[in-house]
Amino acid sequence: MEQNRLNGYHIMWLFVMFDMPTETKEQRKSSARFRKNLKKSGFSMLQYSVYIRHCASGEATDTYIKRIKRMIEAEGKVSILSVTDKQFGNMINYWGHKTTIPLQKEVQQLSIF
């Protein structure tokens, strides 16, 4: 019997990116409800409108995609992206650190008075 191993190509990460209108009280409630439902489903906030979740397999990913589809209400934009654990591991994050550009060597000028 072949053993199905978990590896960086079978384990998936699910990204949910969304933009919900918040102009009216009902829209704000709807947006908050969507965020709460994502958290209840095990998603963690990566950025304000970007949530991520670890999934052990492609089948688990499909299950969560169906769940998210049921959460979506009439308004707003929701994008769902799944990537392998290997791809996720290549993500580069900057958390409060400025990127610096290497300084060129100073050129010394000759001054004649």
PDB file of N, CA and C in Angstrom:
ATOM      1  N   MET A   1       0.840  -1.185   0.000  1.00  0.00           N
ATOM      2  CA  MET A   1       0.000   0.000   0.000  1.00  0.00           C
ATOM      3  C   MET A   1       0.885   1.249   0.000  1.00  0.00           C
ATOM      4  N   GLU A   2       0.596   2.143  -0.902  1.00  0.00           N
ATOM      5  CA  GLU A   2       1.388   3.363  -1.010  1.00  0.00           C
ATOM      6  C   GLU A   2       0.985   4.348   0.073  1.00  0.00           C
ATOM      7  N   GLN A   3       1.978   4.841   0.761  1.00  0.00           N
ATOM      8  CA  GLN A   3       1.710   5.799   1.829  1.00  0.00           C
ATOM      9  C   GLN A   3       1.674   7.208   1.243  1.00  0.00           C
ATOM     10  N   ASN A   4       0.607   7.928   1.528  1.00  0.00           N
ATOM     11  CA  ASN A   4       0.444   9.288   1.020  1.00  0.00           C
ATOM     12  C   ASN A   4       1.097  10.250   2.009  1.00  0.00           C
ATOM     13  N   ARG A   5       2.269  10.733   1.661  1.00  0.00           N
ATOM     14  CA  ARG A   5       3.021  11.610   2.557  1.00  0.00           C
ATOM     15  C   ARG A   5       2.645  13.067   2.344  1.00  0.00           C
ATOM     16  N   LEU A   6       2.708  13.803   3.426  1.00  0.00           N
ATOM     17  CA  LEU A   6       2.532  15.252   3.326  1.00  0.00           C
ATOM     18  C   LEU A   6       3.878  15.855   2.949  1.00  0.00           C
ATOM     19  N   ASN A   7       3.879  16.672   1.945  1.00  0.00           N
ATOM     20  CA  ASN A   7       5.101  17.378   1.604  1.00  0.00           C
ATOM     21  C   ASN A   7       4.757  18.766   1.090  1.00  0.00           C
ATOM     22  N   GLY A   8       5.792  19.514   0.752  1.00  0.00           N
ATOM     23  CA  GLY A   8       5.610  20.905   0.351  1.00  0.00           C
ATOM     24  C   GLY A   8       4.813  21.113  -0.915  1.00  0.00           C
ATOM     25  N   TYR A   9       4.561  20.034  -1.657  1.00  0.00           N
ATOM     26  CA  TYR A   9       3.787  20.164  -2.882  1.00  0.00           C
ATOM     27  C   TYR A   9       2.340  19.713  -2.709  1.00  0.00           C
ATOM     28  N   HIS A  10       2.034  19.029  -1.601  1.00  0.00           N
ATOM     29  CA  HIS A  10       0.662  18.599  -1.333  1.00  0.00           C
ATOM     30  C   HIS A  10      -0.044  19.515  -0.333  1.00  0.00           C
ATOM     31  N   ILE A  11       0.719  20.036   0.606  1.00  0.00           N
ATOM     32  CA  ILE A  11       0.164  20.959   1.596  1.00  0.00           C
ATOM     33  C   ILE A  11      -0.117  22.284   0.890  1.00  0.00           C
ATOM     34  N   MET A  12      -1.259  22.858   1.166  1.00  0.00           N
ATOM     35  CA  MET A  12      -1.675  24.078   0.477  1.00  0.00           C
ATOM     36  C   MET A  12      -1.916  25.218   1.473  1.00  0.00           C
ATOM     37  N   TRP A  13      -1.797  26.420   0.983  1.00  0.00           N
ATOM     38  CA  TRP A  13      -2.177  27.630   1.707  1.00  0.00           C
ATOM     39  C   TRP A  13      -3.255  28.309   0.889  1.00  0.00           C
ATOM     40  N   LEU A  14      -4.286  28.723   1.573  1.00  0.00           N
ATOM     41  CA  LEU A  14      -5.408  29.374   0.917  1.00  0.00           C
ATOM     42  C   LEU A  14      -5.422  30.848   1.301  1.00  0.00           C
ATOM     43  N   PHE A  15      -5.397  31.719   0.309  1.00  0.00           N
ATOM     44  CA  PHE A  15      -5.459  33.162   0.510  1.00  0.00           C
ATOM     45  C   PHE A  15      -6.860  33.637   0.143  1.00  0.00           C
ATOM     46  N   VAL A  16      -7.448  34.460   0.986  1.00  0.00           N
ATOM     47  CA  VAL A  16      -8.726  35.107   0.681  1.00  0.00           C
ATOM     48  C   VAL A  16      -8.481  36.609   0.745  1.00  0.00           C
ATOM     49  N   MET A  17      -8.672  37.267  -0.397  1.00  0.00           N
ATOM     50  CA  MET A  17      -8.466  38.712  -0.495  1.00  0.00           C
ATOM     51  C   MET A  17      -9.805  39.328  -0.858  1.00  0.00           C
ATOM     52  N   PHE A  18     -10.168  40.381  -0.155  1.00  0.00           N
ATOM     53  CA  PHE A  18     -11.508  40.923  -0.401  1.00  0.00           C
ATOM     54  C   PHE A  18     -11.552  42.427  -0.220  1.00  0.00           C
ATOM     55  N   ASP A  19     -12.546  43.001  -0.845  1.00  0.00           N
ATOM     56  CA  ASP A  19     -12.815  44.429  -0.744  1.00  0.00           C
ATOM     57  C   ASP A  19     -14.328  44.563  -0.608  1.00  0.00           C
ATOM     58  N   MET A  20     -14.774  44.897   0.592  1.00  0.00           N
ATOM     59  CA  MET A  20     -16.201  45.006   0.871  1.00  0.00           C
ATOM     60  C   MET A  20     -16.574  46.476   1.049  1.00  0.00           C
ATOM     61  N   PRO A  21     -17.727  46.881   0.513  1.00  0.00           N
ATOM     62  CA  PRO A  21     -18.160  48.271   0.735  1.00  0.00           C
ATOM     63  C   PRO A  21     -18.523  48.478   2.197  1.00  0.00           C
ATOM     64  N   THR A  22     -18.226  49.657   2.703  1.00  0.00           N
ATOM     65  CA  THR A  22     -18.500  49.970   4.118  1.00  0.00           C
ATOM     66  C   THR A  22     -19.135  51.350   4.270  1.00  0.00           C
ATOM     67  N   GLU A  23     -19.905  51.758   3.295  1.00  0.00           N
ATOM     68  CA  GLU A  23     -20.505  53.092   3.338  1.00  0.00           C
ATOM     69  C   GLU A  23     -21.718  53.160   4.254  1.00  0.00           C
ATOM     70  N   THR A  24     -22.499  52.110   4.289  1.00  0.00           N
ATOM     71  CA  THR A  24     -23.697  52.114   5.132  1.00  0.00           C
ATOM     72  C   THR A  24     -23.488  51.216   6.350  1.00  0.00           C
ATOM     73  N   LYS A  25     -24.369  51.360   7.317  1.00  0.00           N
ATOM     74  CA  LYS A  25     -24.286  50.549   8.531  1.00  0.00           C
ATOM     75  C   LYS A  25     -24.421  49.061   8.194  1.00  0.00           C
ATOM     76  N   GLU A  26     -25.339  48.722   7.307  1.00  0.00           N
ATOM     77  CA  GLU A  26     -25.551  47.322   6.923  1.00  0.00           C
ATOM     78  C   GLU A  26     -24.333  46.755   6.186  1.00  0.00           C
ATOM     79  N   GLN A  27     -23.692  47.572   5.357  1.00  0.00           N
ATOM     80  CA  GLN A  27     -22.488  47.128   4.654  1.00  0.00           C
ATOM     81  C   GLN A  27     -21.350  46.865   5.640  1.00  0.00           C
ATOM     82  N   ARG A  28     -21.216  47.733   6.650  1.00  0.00           N
ATOM     83  CA  ARG A  28     -20.180  47.529   7.664  1.00  0.00           C
ATOM     84  C   ARG A  28     -20.440  46.243   8.441  1.00  0.00           C
ATOM     85  N   LYS A  29     -21.700  45.981   8.780  1.00  0.00           N
ATOM     86  CA  LYS A  29     -22.058  44.746   9.483  1.00  0.00           C
ATOM     87  C   LYS A  29     -21.742  43.527   8.618  1.00  0.00           C
ATOM     88  N   SER A  30     -22.064  43.615   7.337  1.00  0.00           N
ATOM     89  CA  SER A  30     -21.809  42.515   6.415  1.00  0.00           C
ATOM     90  C   SER A  30     -20.309  42.228   6.304  1.00  0.00           C
ATOM     91  N   SER A  31     -19.517  43.278   6.198  1.00  0.00           N
ATOM     92  CA  SER A  31     -18.067  43.135   6.119  1.00  0.00           C
ATOM     93  C   SER A  31     -17.510  42.508   7.396  1.00  0.00           C
ATOM     94  N   ALA A  32     -17.976  42.985   8.550  1.00  0.00           N
ATOM     95  CA  ALA A  32     -17.530  42.432   9.837  1.00  0.00           C
ATOM     96  C   ALA A  32     -17.936  40.968   9.965  1.00  0.00           C
ATOM     97  N   ARG A  33     -19.128  40.640   9.513  1.00  0.00           N
ATOM     98  CA  ARG A  33     -19.618  39.255   9.565  1.00  0.00           C
ATOM     99  C   ARG A  33     -18.730  38.346   8.706  1.00  0.00           C
ATOM    100  N   PHE A  34     -18.340  38.826   7.520  1.00  0.00           N
ATOM    101  CA  PHE A  34     -17.479  38.047   6.638  1.00  0.00           C
ATOM    102  C   PHE A  34     -16.136  37.778   7.307  1.00  0.00           C
ATOM    103  N   ARG A  35     -15.548  38.809   7.921  1.00  0.00           N
ATOM    104  CA  ARG A  35     -14.267  38.644   8.625  1.00  0.00           C
ATOM    105  C   ARG A  35     -14.396  37.651   9.787  1.00  0.00           C
ATOM    106  N   LYS A  36     -15.453  37.777  10.555  1.00  0.00           N
ATOM    107  CA  LYS A  36     -15.664  36.878  11.688  1.00  0.00           C
ATOM    108  C   LYS A  36     -15.824  35.437  11.225  1.00  0.00           C
ATOM    109  N   ASN A  37     -16.546  35.242  10.127  1.00  0.00           N
ATOM    110  CA  ASN A  37     -16.728  33.893   9.599  1.00  0.00           C
ATOM    111  C   ASN A  37     -15.406  33.296   9.103  1.00  0.00           C
ATOM    112  N   LEU A  38     -14.562  34.131   8.509  1.00  0.00           N
ATOM    113  CA  LEU A  38     -13.246  33.652   8.102  1.00  0.00           C
ATOM    114  C   LEU A  38     -12.447  33.196   9.322  1.00  0.00           C
ATOM    115  N   LYS A  39     -12.466  33.999  10.371  1.00  0.00           N
ATOM    116  CA  LYS A  39     -11.734  33.645  11.595  1.00  0.00           C
ATOM    117  C   LYS A  39     -12.281  32.359  12.213  1.00  0.00           C
ATOM    118  N   LYS A  40     -13.600  32.209  12.224  1.00  0.00           N
ATOM    119  CA  LYS A  40     -14.221  30.986  12.750  1.00  0.00           C
ATOM    120  C   LYS A  40     -13.815  29.764  11.942  1.00  0.00           C
ATOM    121  N   SER A  41     -13.513  29.970  10.663  1.00  0.00           N
ATOM    122  CA  SER A  41     -13.103  28.870   9.790  1.00  0.00           C
ATOM    123  C   SER A  41     -11.599  28.606   9.847  1.00  0.00           C
ATOM    124  N   GLY A  42     -10.911  29.273  10.760  1.00  0.00           N
ATOM    125  CA  GLY A  42      -9.486  29.006  10.956  1.00  0.00           C
ATOM    126  C   GLY A  42      -8.539  29.873  10.153  1.00  0.00           C
ATOM    127  N   PHE A  43      -9.044  30.934   9.548  1.00  0.00           N
ATOM    128  CA  PHE A  43      -8.188  31.836   8.794  1.00  0.00           C
ATOM    129  C   PHE A  43      -7.537  32.844   9.736  1.00  0.00           C
ATOM    130  N   SER A  44      -6.335  33.265   9.378  1.00  0.00           N
ATOM    131  CA  SER A  44      -5.607  34.285  10.131  1.00  0.00           C
ATOM    132  C   SER A  44      -5.393  35.494   9.236  1.00  0.00           C
ATOM    133  N   MET A  45      -5.411  36.664   9.846  1.00  0.00           N
ATOM    134  CA  MET A  45      -5.232  37.885   9.072  1.00  0.00           C
ATOM    135  C   MET A  45      -3.752  38.071   8.724  1.00  0.00           C
ATOM    136  N   LEU A  46      -3.456  38.179   7.436  1.00  0.00           N
ATOM    137  CA  LEU A  46      -2.111  38.496   6.969  1.00  0.00           C
ATOM    138  C   LEU A  46      -1.983  40.005   6.811  1.00  0.00           C
ATOM    139  N   GLN A  47      -2.995  40.608   6.204  1.00  0.00           N
ATOM    140  CA  GLN A  47      -3.146  42.053   6.113  1.00  0.00           C
ATOM    141  C   GLN A  47      -4.625  42.332   6.319  1.00  0.00           C
ATOM    142  N   TYR A  48      -5.009  43.587   6.359  1.00  0.00           N
ATOM    143  CA  TYR A  48      -6.375  43.909   6.757  1.00  0.00           C
ATOM    144  C   TYR A  48      -7.438  43.188   5.935  1.00  0.00           C
ATOM    145  N   SER A  49      -7.292  43.106   4.652  1.00  0.00           N
ATOM    146  CA  SER A  49      -8.285  42.426   3.815  1.00  0.00           C
ATOM    147  C   SER A  49      -7.710  41.188   3.138  1.00  0.00           C
ATOM    148  N   VAL A  50      -6.690  40.605   3.748  1.00  0.00           N
ATOM    149  CA  VAL A  50      -6.076  39.384   3.237  1.00  0.00           C
ATOM    150  C   VAL A  50      -5.963  38.397   4.391  1.00  0.00           C
ATOM    151  N   TYR A  51      -6.630  37.254   4.236  1.00  0.00           N
ATOM    152  CA  TYR A  51      -6.609  36.211   5.257  1.00  0.00           C
ATOM    153  C   TYR A  51      -6.024  34.938   4.658  1.00  0.00           C
ATOM    154  N   ILE A  52      -5.329  34.153   5.488  1.00  0.00           N
ATOM    155  CA  ILE A  52      -4.710  32.919   5.012  1.00  0.00           C
ATOM    156  C   ILE A  52      -5.072  31.748   5.911  1.00  0.00           C
ATOM    157  N   ARG A  53      -5.007  30.548   5.326  1.00  0.00           N
ATOM    158  CA  ARG A  53      -5.271  29.338   6.094  1.00  0.00           C
ATOM    159  C   ARG A  53      -4.449  28.198   5.522  1.00  0.00           C
ATOM    160  N   HIS A  54      -3.879  27.416   6.415  1.00  0.00           N
ATOM    161  CA  HIS A  54      -3.135  26.216   6.049  1.00  0.00           C
ATOM    162  C   HIS A  54      -4.124  25.087   5.795  1.00  0.00           C
ATOM    163  N   CYS A  55      -3.939  24.346   4.705  1.00  0.00           N
ATOM    164  CA  CYS A  55      -4.779  23.188   4.388  1.00  0.00           C
ATOM    165  C   CYS A  55      -3.853  21.999   4.124  1.00  0.00           C
ATOM    166  N   ALA A  56      -4.175  20.865   4.689  1.00  0.00           N
ATOM    167  CA  ALA A  56      -3.311  19.690   4.577  1.00  0.00           C
ATOM    168  C   ALA A  56      -3.316  19.059   3.193  1.00  0.00           C
ATOM    169  N   SER A  57      -4.309  19.380   2.358  1.00  0.00           N
ATOM    170  CA  SER A  57      -4.394  18.756   1.039  1.00  0.00           C
ATOM    171  C   SER A  57      -5.232  19.607   0.096  1.00  0.00           C
ATOM    172  N   GLY A  58      -5.216  19.213  -1.160  1.00  0.00           N
ATOM    173  CA  GLY A  58      -6.059  19.883  -2.153  1.00  0.00           C
ATOM    174  C   GLY A  58      -7.538  19.680  -1.870  1.00  0.00           C
ATOM    175  N   GLU A  59      -7.883  18.515  -1.323  1.00  0.00           N
ATOM    176  CA  GLU A  59      -9.286  18.242  -0.988  1.00  0.00           C
ATOM    177  C   GLU A  59      -9.769  19.178   0.122  1.00  0.00           C
ATOM    178  N   ALA A  60      -8.913  19.391   1.117  1.00  0.00           N
ATOM    179  CA  ALA A  60      -9.274  20.314   2.202  1.00  0.00           C
ATOM    180  C   ALA A  60      -9.423  21.730   1.649  1.00  0.00           C
ATOM    181  N   THR A  61      -8.551  22.101   0.725  1.00  0.00           N
ATOM    182  CA  THR A  61      -8.634  23.413   0.084  1.00  0.00           C
ATOM    183  C   THR A  61      -9.982  23.582  -0.606  1.00  0.00           C
ATOM    184  N   ASP A  62     -10.406  22.557  -1.355  1.00  0.00           N
ATOM    185  CA  ASP A  62     -11.695  22.613  -2.045  1.00  0.00           C
ATOM    186  C   ASP A  62     -12.853  22.797  -1.062  1.00  0.00           C
ATOM    187  N   THR A  63     -12.773  22.124   0.080  1.00  0.00           N
ATOM    188  CA  THR A  63     -13.814  22.242   1.108  1.00  0.00           C
ATOM    189  C   THR A  63     -13.915  23.682   1.607  1.00  0.00           C
ATOM    190  N   TYR A  64     -12.770  24.316   1.876  1.00  0.00           N
ATOM    191  CA  TYR A  64     -12.787  25.692   2.372  1.00  0.00           C
ATOM    192  C   TYR A  64     -13.225  26.679   1.300  1.00  0.00           C
ATOM    193  N   ILE A  65     -12.902  26.411   0.055  1.00  0.00           N
ATOM    194  CA  ILE A  65     -13.361  27.292  -1.027  1.00  0.00           C
ATOM    195  C   ILE A  65     -14.887  27.270  -1.088  1.00  0.00           C
ATOM    196  N   LYS A  66     -15.486  26.094  -0.983  1.00  0.00           N
ATOM    197  CA  LYS A  66     -16.950  25.991  -0.977  1.00  0.00           C
ATOM    198  C   LYS A  66     -17.545  26.740   0.213  1.00  0.00           C
ATOM    199  N   ARG A  67     -16.893  26.628   1.364  1.00  0.00           N
ATOM    200  CA  ARG A  67     -17.373  27.315   2.569  1.00  0.00           C
ATOM    201  C   ARG A  67     -17.322  28.824   2.380  1.00  0.00           C
ATOM    202  N   ILE A  68     -16.243  29.317   1.791  1.00  0.00           N
ATOM    203  CA  ILE A  68     -16.098  30.763   1.560  1.00  0.00           C
ATOM    204  C   ILE A  68     -17.172  31.258   0.596  1.00  0.00           C
ATOM    205  N   LYS A  69     -17.434  30.490  -0.445  1.00  0.00           N
ATOM    206  CA  LYS A  69     -18.471  30.872  -1.418  1.00  0.00           C
ATOM    207  C   LYS A  69     -19.823  31.069  -0.733  1.00  0.00           C
ATOM    208  N   ARG A  70     -20.105  30.230   0.266  1.00  0.00           N
ATOM    209  CA  ARG A  70     -21.372  30.369   0.991  1.00  0.00           C
ATOM    210  C   ARG A  70     -21.386  31.606   1.888  1.00  0.00           C
ATOM    211  N   MET A  71     -20.214  32.089   2.294  1.00  0.00           N
ATOM    212  CA  MET A  71     -20.120  33.264   3.168  1.00  0.00           C
ATOM    213  C   MET A  71     -20.330  34.572   2.408  1.00  0.00           C
ATOM    214  N   ILE A  72     -20.063  34.572   1.111  1.00  0.00           N
ATOM    215  CA  ILE A  72     -20.093  35.802   0.322  1.00  0.00           C
ATOM    216  C   ILE A  72     -21.516  36.312   0.197  1.00  0.00           C
ATOM    217  N   GLU A  73     -21.677  37.581   0.519  1.00  0.00           N
ATOM    218  CA  GLU A  73     -22.986  38.214   0.413  1.00  0.00           C
ATOM    219  C   GLU A  73     -23.080  38.982  -0.889  1.00  0.00           C
ATOM    220  N   ALA A  74     -24.126  39.740  -1.080  1.00  0.00           N
ATOM    221  CA  ALA A  74     -24.429  40.369  -2.369  1.00  0.00           C
ATOM    222  C   ALA A  74     -23.349  41.330  -2.862  1.00  0.00           C
ATOM    223  N   GLU A  75     -22.753  42.097  -1.975  1.00  0.00           N
ATOM    224  CA  GLU A  75     -21.812  43.121  -2.401  1.00  0.00           C
ATOM    225  C   GLU A  75     -20.383  42.743  -2.041  1.00  0.00           C
ATOM    226  N   GLY A  76     -19.452  43.347  -2.756  1.00  0.00           N
ATOM    227  CA  GLY A  76     -18.049  43.143  -2.448  1.00  0.00           C
ATOM    228  C   GLY A  76     -17.347  42.271  -3.466  1.00  0.00           C
ATOM    229  N   LYS A  77     -16.040  42.298  -3.396  1.00  0.00           N
ATOM    230  CA  LYS A  77     -15.194  41.510  -4.280  1.00  0.00           C
ATOM    231  C   LYS A  77     -14.367  40.565  -3.419  1.00  0.00           C
ATOM    232  N   VAL A  78     -14.363  39.298  -3.787  1.00  0.00           N
ATOM    233  CA  VAL A  78     -13.598  38.299  -3.041  1.00  0.00           C
ATOM    234  C   VAL A  78     -12.766  37.509  -4.041  1.00  0.00           C
ATOM    235  N   SER A  79     -11.473  37.401  -3.782  1.00  0.00           N
ATOM    236  CA  SER A  79     -10.574  36.591  -4.599  1.00  0.00           C
ATOM    237  C   SER A  79      -9.981  35.510  -3.717  1.00  0.00           C
ATOM    238  N   ILE A  80      -9.893  34.304  -4.259  1.00  0.00           N
ATOM    239  CA  ILE A  80      -9.352  33.173  -3.518  1.00  0.00           C
ATOM    240  C   ILE A  80      -8.174  32.621  -4.321  1.00  0.00           C
ATOM    241  N   LEU A  81      -7.053  32.426  -3.653  1.00  0.00           N
ATOM    242  CA  LEU A  81      -5.848  31.922  -4.296  1.00  0.00           C
ATOM    243  C   LEU A  81      -5.291  30.785  -3.456  1.00  0.00           C
ATOM    244  N   SER A  82      -4.972  29.666  -4.095  1.00  0.00           N
ATOM    245  CA  SER A  82      -4.328  28.579  -3.363  1.00  0.00           C
ATOM    246  C   SER A  82      -2.918  28.395  -3.920  1.00  0.00           C
ATOM    247  N   VAL A  83      -1.973  28.221  -3.012  1.00  0.00           N
ATOM    248  CA  VAL A  83      -0.576  28.004  -3.381  1.00  0.00           C
ATOM    249  C   VAL A  83      -0.042  26.832  -2.568  1.00  0.00           C
ATOM    250  N   THR A  84       0.980  26.192  -3.097  1.00  0.00           N
ATOM    251  CA  THR A  84       1.587  25.088  -2.358  1.00  0.00           C
ATOM    252  C   THR A  84       2.417  25.640  -1.201  1.00  0.00           C
ATOM    253  N   ASP A  85       2.731  24.761  -0.269  1.00  0.00           N
ATOM    254  CA  ASP A  85       3.559  25.159   0.866  1.00  0.00           C
ATOM    255  C   ASP A  85       4.938  25.608   0.382  1.00  0.00           C
ATOM    256  N   LYS A  86       5.444  24.978  -0.661  1.00  0.00           N
ATOM    257  CA  LYS A  86       6.738  25.374  -1.232  1.00  0.00           C
ATOM    258  C   LYS A  86       6.668  26.804  -1.764  1.00  0.00           C
ATOM    259  N   GLN A  87       5.609  27.117  -2.489  1.00  0.00           N
ATOM    260  CA  GLN A  87       5.446  28.475  -3.020  1.00  0.00           C
ATOM    261  C   GLN A  87       5.283  29.476  -1.890  1.00  0.00           C
ATOM    262  N   PHE A  88       4.494  29.108  -0.888  1.00  0.00           N
ATOM    263  CA  PHE A  88       4.277  29.989   0.257  1.00  0.00           C
ATOM    264  C   PHE A  88       5.601  30.283   0.961  1.00  0.00           C
ATOM    265  N   GLY A  89       6.464  29.272   1.036  1.00  0.00           N
ATOM    266  CA  GLY A  89       7.763  29.440   1.684  1.00  0.00           C
ATOM    267  C   GLY A  89       8.671  30.424   0.975  1.00  0.00           C
ATOM    268  N   ASN A  90       8.390  30.705  -0.287  1.00  0.00           N
ATOM    269  CA  ASN A  90       9.196  31.667  -1.045  1.00  0.00           C
ATOM    270  C   ASN A  90       8.714  33.103  -0.904  1.00  0.00           C
ATOM    271  N   MET A  91       7.644  33.310  -0.142  1.00  0.00           N
ATOM    272  CA  MET A  91       7.119  34.655   0.031  1.00  0.00           C
ATOM    273  C   MET A  91       8.110  35.497   0.838  1.00  0.00           C
ATOM    274  N   ILE A  92       8.286  36.718   0.431  1.00  0.00           N
ATOM    275  CA  ILE A  92       9.160  37.652   1.139  1.00  0.00           C
ATOM    276  C   ILE A  92       8.279  38.682   1.821  1.00  0.00           C
ATOM    277  N   ASN A  93       8.468  38.855   3.124  1.00  0.00           N
ATOM    278  CA  ASN A  93       7.678  39.805   3.905  1.00  0.00           C
ATOM    279  C   ASN A  93       8.586  40.860   4.510  1.00  0.00           C
ATOM    280  N   TYR A  94       8.120  42.077   4.529  1.00  0.00           N
ATOM    281  CA  TYR A  94       8.780  43.169   5.236  1.00  0.00           C
ATOM    282  C   TYR A  94       7.792  43.672   6.265  1.00  0.00           C
ATOM    283  N   TRP A  95       8.123  43.525   7.503  1.00  0.00           N
ATOM    284  CA  TRP A  95       7.234  43.906   8.600  1.00  0.00           C
ATOM    285  C   TRP A  95       7.837  45.095   9.335  1.00  0.00           C
ATOM    286  N   GLY A  96       7.545  46.283   8.847  1.00  0.00           N
ATOM    287  CA  GLY A  96       7.988  47.492   9.529  1.00  0.00           C
ATOM    288  C   GLY A  96       9.443  47.850   9.297  1.00  0.00           C
ATOM    289  N   HIS A  97      10.084  47.218   8.345  1.00  0.00           N
ATOM    290  CA  HIS A  97      11.473  47.539   8.044  1.00  0.00           C
ATOM    291  C   HIS A  97      11.553  48.197   6.680  1.00  0.00           C
ATOM    292  N   LYS A  98      12.316  49.264   6.617  1.00  0.00           N
ATOM    293  CA  LYS A  98      12.494  49.952   5.348  1.00  0.00           C
ATOM    294  C   LYS A  98      13.536  49.205   4.521  1.00  0.00           C
ATOM    295  N   THR A  99      13.315  49.200   3.235  1.00  0.00           N
ATOM    296  CA  THR A  99      14.294  48.629   2.331  1.00  0.00           C
ATOM    297  C   THR A  99      15.311  49.714   2.029  1.00  0.00           C
ATOM    298  N   THR A 100      16.562  49.371   2.133  1.00  0.00           N
ATOM    299  CA  THR A 100      17.585  50.370   1.876  1.00  0.00           C
ATOM    300  C   THR A 100      18.269  50.082   0.557  1.00  0.00           C
ATOM    301  N   ILE A 101      18.626  51.138  -0.109  1.00  0.00           N
ATOM    302  CA  ILE A 101      19.378  51.033  -1.350  1.00  0.00           C
ATOM    303  C   ILE A 101      20.848  51.195  -0.983  1.00  0.00           C
ATOM    304  N   PRO A 102      21.694  50.289  -1.430  1.00  0.00           N
ATOM    305  CA  PRO A 102      23.118  50.419  -1.088  1.00  0.00           C
ATOM    306  C   PRO A 102      23.674  51.758  -1.570  1.00  0.00           C
ATOM    307  N   LEU A 103      24.429  52.384  -0.719  1.00  0.00           N
ATOM    308  CA  LEU A 103      25.031  53.669  -1.071  1.00  0.00           C
ATOM    309  C   LEU A 103      26.234  53.445  -1.962  1.00  0.00           C
ATOM    310  N   GLN A 104      26.376  54.351  -2.929  1.00  0.00           N
ATOM    311  CA  GLN A 104      27.551  54.275  -3.787  1.00  0.00           C
ATOM    312  C   GLN A 104      28.743  54.810  -3.012  1.00  0.00           C
ATOM    313  N   LYS A 105      29.903  54.339  -3.400  1.00  0.00           N
ATOM    314  CA  LYS A 105      31.110  54.859  -2.763  1.00  0.00           C
ATOM    315  C   LYS A 105      31.206  56.347  -3.056  1.00  0.00           C
ATOM    316  N   GLU A 106      31.567  57.078  -2.033  1.00  0.00           N
ATOM    317  CA  GLU A 106      31.687  58.524  -2.205  1.00  0.00           C
ATOM    318  C   GLU A 106      32.863  58.836  -3.138  1.00  0.00           C
ATOM    319  N   VAL A 107      32.588  59.722  -4.043  1.00  0.00           N
ATOM    320  CA  VAL A 107      33.645  60.173  -4.944  1.00  0.00           C
ATOM    321  C   VAL A 107      34.313  61.384  -4.297  1.00  0.00           C
ATOM    322  N   GLN A 108      35.612  61.316  -4.160  1.00  0.00           N
ATOM    323  CA  GLN A 108      36.310  62.448  -3.591  1.00  0.00           C
ATOM    324  C   GLN A 108      36.633  63.460  -4.686  1.00  0.00           C
ATOM    325  N   GLN A 109      36.233  64.687  -4.405  1.00  0.00           N
ATOM    326  CA  GLN A 109      36.483  65.729  -5.372  1.00  0.00           C
ATOM    327  C   GLN A 109      37.717  66.522  -4.949  1.00  0.00           C
ATOM    328  N   LEU A 110      38.409  66.956  -5.927  1.00  0.00           N
ATOM    329  CA  LEU A 110      39.573  67.777  -5.692  1.00  0.00           C
ATOM    330  C   LEU A 110      39.138  69.236  -5.717  1.00  0.00           C
ATOM    331  N   SER A 111      39.388  69.957  -4.655  1.00  0.00           N
ATOM    332  CA  SER A 111      39.018  71.372  -4.588  1.00  0.00           C
ATOM    333  C   SER A 111      40.258  72.218  -4.773  1.00  0.00           C
ATOM    334  N   ILE A 112      40.184  73.165  -5.692  1.00  0.00           N
ATOM    335  CA  ILE A 112      41.291  74.095  -5.913  1.00  0.00           C
ATOM    336  C   ILE A 112      40.827  75.485  -5.542  1.00  0.00           C
ATOM    337  N   PHE A 113      41.594  76.135  -4.688  1.00  0.00           N
ATOM    338  CA  PHE A 113      41.241  77.488  -4.251  1.00  0.00           C
ATOM    339  C   PHE A 113      42.099  78.498  -4.928  1.00  0.00           C
TER     340      PHE A 113
END
